[in-house]
């Protein structure tokens, strides 16, 4: 009795796409940058609402730092550069950093 021909199917494998690691962008307190300017930075650069920006600014003032959001590394670095450019252009020493989330 002849054997039936074997049919082979190519297995489809899917690679799981990993999201890039996220970094928290952190604003740091100083004794010179005004409350209003920090709110402006949060609204313009981080697209926060006014209430969100005020809450984060209060954290910066009371706790010494405030989290602005989680971003892939390149976006976090760009936002930090934008904060520092805007701060310098307005005569403020506001600093930003990032931490791996």
C-alpha atoms as a PDB file:
ATOM      1  CA  UNK A   1       0.000   0.000   0.000  1.00  0.00           C
ATOM      2  CA  UNK A   2       1.587   3.275  -1.057  1.00  0.00           C
ATOM      3  CA  UNK A   3       1.968   5.881   1.622  1.00  0.00           C
ATOM      4  CA  UNK A   4       0.224   9.212   1.231  1.00  0.00           C
ATOM      5  CA  UNK A   5       2.497  12.059   0.249  1.00  0.00           C
ATOM      6  CA  UNK A   6       3.470  14.167   3.214  1.00  0.00           C
ATOM      7  CA  UNK A   7       2.481  17.768   3.031  1.00  0.00           C
ATOM      8  CA  UNK A   8       4.668  20.237   4.874  1.00  0.00           C
ATOM      9  CA  UNK A   9       3.529  23.624   5.899  1.00  0.00           C
ATOM     10  CA  UNK A  10       5.911  26.449   6.421  1.00  0.00           C
ATOM     11  CA  UNK A  11       5.594  27.621   9.965  1.00  0.00           C
ATOM     12  CA  UNK A  12       4.939  31.257  10.321  1.00  0.00           C
ATOM     13  CA  UNK A  13       6.753  32.734  13.233  1.00  0.00           C
ATOM     14  CA  UNK A  14       6.091  36.153  14.518  1.00  0.00           C
ATOM     15  CA  UNK A  15       8.709  38.059  16.345  1.00  0.00           C
ATOM     16  CA  UNK A  16       7.373  39.936  19.272  1.00  0.00           C
ATOM     17  CA  UNK A  17       8.076  43.586  18.803  1.00  0.00           C
ATOM     18  CA  UNK A  18       9.423  45.023  21.984  1.00  0.00           C
ATOM     19  CA  UNK A  19       8.643  48.576  22.888  1.00  0.00           C
ATOM     20  CA  UNK A  20      11.696  50.688  23.587  1.00  0.00           C
ATOM     21  CA  UNK A  21      12.484  51.292  27.249  1.00  0.00           C
ATOM     22  CA  UNK A  22      10.808  54.348  28.749  1.00  0.00           C
ATOM     23  CA  UNK A  23      12.487  57.176  30.599  1.00  0.00           C
ATOM     24  CA  UNK A  24      10.903  59.519  33.115  1.00  0.00           C
ATOM     25  CA  UNK A  25      11.647  63.177  32.435  1.00  0.00           C
ATOM     26  CA  UNK A  26      12.079  65.037  35.732  1.00  0.00           C
ATOM     27  CA  UNK A  27      12.057  68.806  36.340  1.00  0.00           C
ATOM     28  CA  UNK A  28      14.374  69.906  39.160  1.00  0.00           C
ATOM     29  CA  UNK A  29      13.673  72.704  41.612  1.00  0.00           C
ATOM     30  CA  UNK A  30      15.788  75.836  41.809  1.00  0.00           C
ATOM     31  CA  UNK A  31      15.359  79.098  43.699  1.00  0.00           C
ATOM     32  CA  UNK A  32      15.086  81.339  40.631  1.00  0.00           C
ATOM     33  CA  UNK A  33      12.656  79.919  38.074  1.00  0.00           C
ATOM     34  CA  UNK A  34       9.152  81.274  38.572  1.00  0.00           C
ATOM     35  CA  UNK A  35       6.104  79.106  39.178  1.00  0.00           C
ATOM     36  CA  UNK A  36       4.418  80.572  36.086  1.00  0.00           C
ATOM     37  CA  UNK A  37       7.382  79.751  33.864  1.00  0.00           C
ATOM     38  CA  UNK A  38       7.444  76.112  35.010  1.00  0.00           C
ATOM     39  CA  UNK A  39       3.715  75.848  34.252  1.00  0.00           C
ATOM     40  CA  UNK A  40       4.386  77.358  30.805  1.00  0.00           C
ATOM     41  CA  UNK A  41       7.126  74.772  30.138  1.00  0.00           C
ATOM     42  CA  UNK A  42       4.842  71.910  31.136  1.00  0.00           C
ATOM     43  CA  UNK A  43       2.008  73.147  28.929  1.00  0.00           C
ATOM     44  CA  UNK A  44       4.129  74.004  25.871  1.00  0.00           C
ATOM     45  CA  UNK A  45       6.742  71.241  25.856  1.00  0.00           C
ATOM     46  CA  UNK A  46       4.993  68.394  27.657  1.00  0.00           C
ATOM     47  CA  UNK A  47       1.435  69.204  26.469  1.00  0.00           C
ATOM     48  CA  UNK A  48       0.020  69.131  29.988  1.00  0.00           C
ATOM     49  CA  UNK A  49      -3.290  70.732  30.900  1.00  0.00           C
ATOM     50  CA  UNK A  50      -3.147  73.740  33.238  1.00  0.00           C
ATOM     51  CA  UNK A  51      -4.334  71.689  36.281  1.00  0.00           C
ATOM     52  CA  UNK A  52      -1.766  68.931  35.537  1.00  0.00           C
ATOM     53  CA  UNK A  53       0.975  71.525  35.073  1.00  0.00           C
ATOM     54  CA  UNK A  54       0.115  73.215  38.382  1.00  0.00           C
ATOM     55  CA  UNK A  55       0.194  69.859  40.212  1.00  0.00           C
ATOM     56  CA  UNK A  56       3.610  68.961  38.758  1.00  0.00           C
ATOM     57  CA  UNK A  57       4.937  72.457  39.493  1.00  0.00           C
ATOM     58  CA  UNK A  58       3.805  72.096  43.121  1.00  0.00           C
ATOM     59  CA  UNK A  59       5.696  68.781  43.288  1.00  0.00           C
ATOM     60  CA  UNK A  60       8.810  70.502  41.928  1.00  0.00           C
ATOM     61  CA  UNK A  61       8.465  73.261  44.538  1.00  0.00           C
ATOM     62  CA  UNK A  62       7.608  71.063  47.532  1.00  0.00           C
ATOM     63  CA  UNK A  63       9.477  67.825  46.771  1.00  0.00           C
ATOM     64  CA  UNK A  64      12.436  69.199  44.816  1.00  0.00           C
ATOM     65  CA  UNK A  65      11.442  67.483  41.576  1.00  0.00           C
ATOM     66  CA  UNK A  66       8.429  66.609  39.486  1.00  0.00           C
ATOM     67  CA  UNK A  67       7.803  63.951  36.836  1.00  0.00           C
ATOM     68  CA  UNK A  68       6.715  65.311  33.448  1.00  0.00           C
ATOM     69  CA  UNK A  69       6.072  62.011  31.662  1.00  0.00           C
ATOM     70  CA  UNK A  70       7.483  58.752  30.298  1.00  0.00           C
ATOM     71  CA  UNK A  71       9.090  58.730  26.863  1.00  0.00           C
ATOM     72  CA  UNK A  72      11.446  56.668  24.703  1.00  0.00           C
ATOM     73  CA  UNK A  73      15.065  57.766  25.188  1.00  0.00           C
ATOM     74  CA  UNK A  74      15.372  60.003  22.112  1.00  0.00           C
ATOM     75  CA  UNK A  75      12.128  61.835  22.834  1.00  0.00           C
ATOM     76  CA  UNK A  76      13.106  62.308  26.496  1.00  0.00           C
ATOM     77  CA  UNK A  77      16.469  63.747  25.432  1.00  0.00           C
ATOM     78  CA  UNK A  78      14.773  66.101  22.971  1.00  0.00           C
ATOM     79  CA  UNK A  79      12.325  67.356  25.597  1.00  0.00           C
ATOM     80  CA  UNK A  80      15.183  67.976  28.039  1.00  0.00           C
ATOM     81  CA  UNK A  81      17.011  70.000  25.382  1.00  0.00           C
ATOM     82  CA  UNK A  82      13.861  72.025  24.655  1.00  0.00           C
ATOM     83  CA  UNK A  83      13.360  72.794  28.357  1.00  0.00           C
ATOM     84  CA  UNK A  84      16.941  73.979  28.729  1.00  0.00           C
ATOM     85  CA  UNK A  85      16.820  76.081  25.548  1.00  0.00           C
ATOM     86  CA  UNK A  86      13.549  77.757  26.547  1.00  0.00           C
ATOM     87  CA  UNK A  87      14.840  78.327  30.079  1.00  0.00           C
ATOM     88  CA  UNK A  88      18.085  79.935  28.893  1.00  0.00           C
ATOM     89  CA  UNK A  89      16.217  82.101  26.385  1.00  0.00           C
ATOM     90  CA  UNK A  90      14.076  83.413  29.257  1.00  0.00           C
ATOM     91  CA  UNK A  91      16.930  83.848  31.733  1.00  0.00           C
ATOM     92  CA  UNK A  92      16.099  80.919  34.018  1.00  0.00           C
ATOM     93  CA  UNK A  93      18.353  78.085  35.244  1.00  0.00           C
ATOM     94  CA  UNK A  94      15.591  75.420  35.118  1.00  0.00           C
ATOM     95  CA  UNK A  95      17.099  71.963  34.729  1.00  0.00           C
ATOM     96  CA  UNK A  96      15.673  68.677  33.614  1.00  0.00           C
ATOM     97  CA  UNK A  97      16.941  65.126  33.849  1.00  0.00           C
ATOM     98  CA  UNK A  98      15.774  61.644  32.948  1.00  0.00           C
ATOM     99  CA  UNK A  99      15.677  58.345  34.777  1.00  0.00           C
ATOM    100  CA  UNK A 100      15.039  54.896  33.351  1.00  0.00           C
ATOM    101  CA  UNK A 101      11.480  53.953  34.286  1.00  0.00           C
END
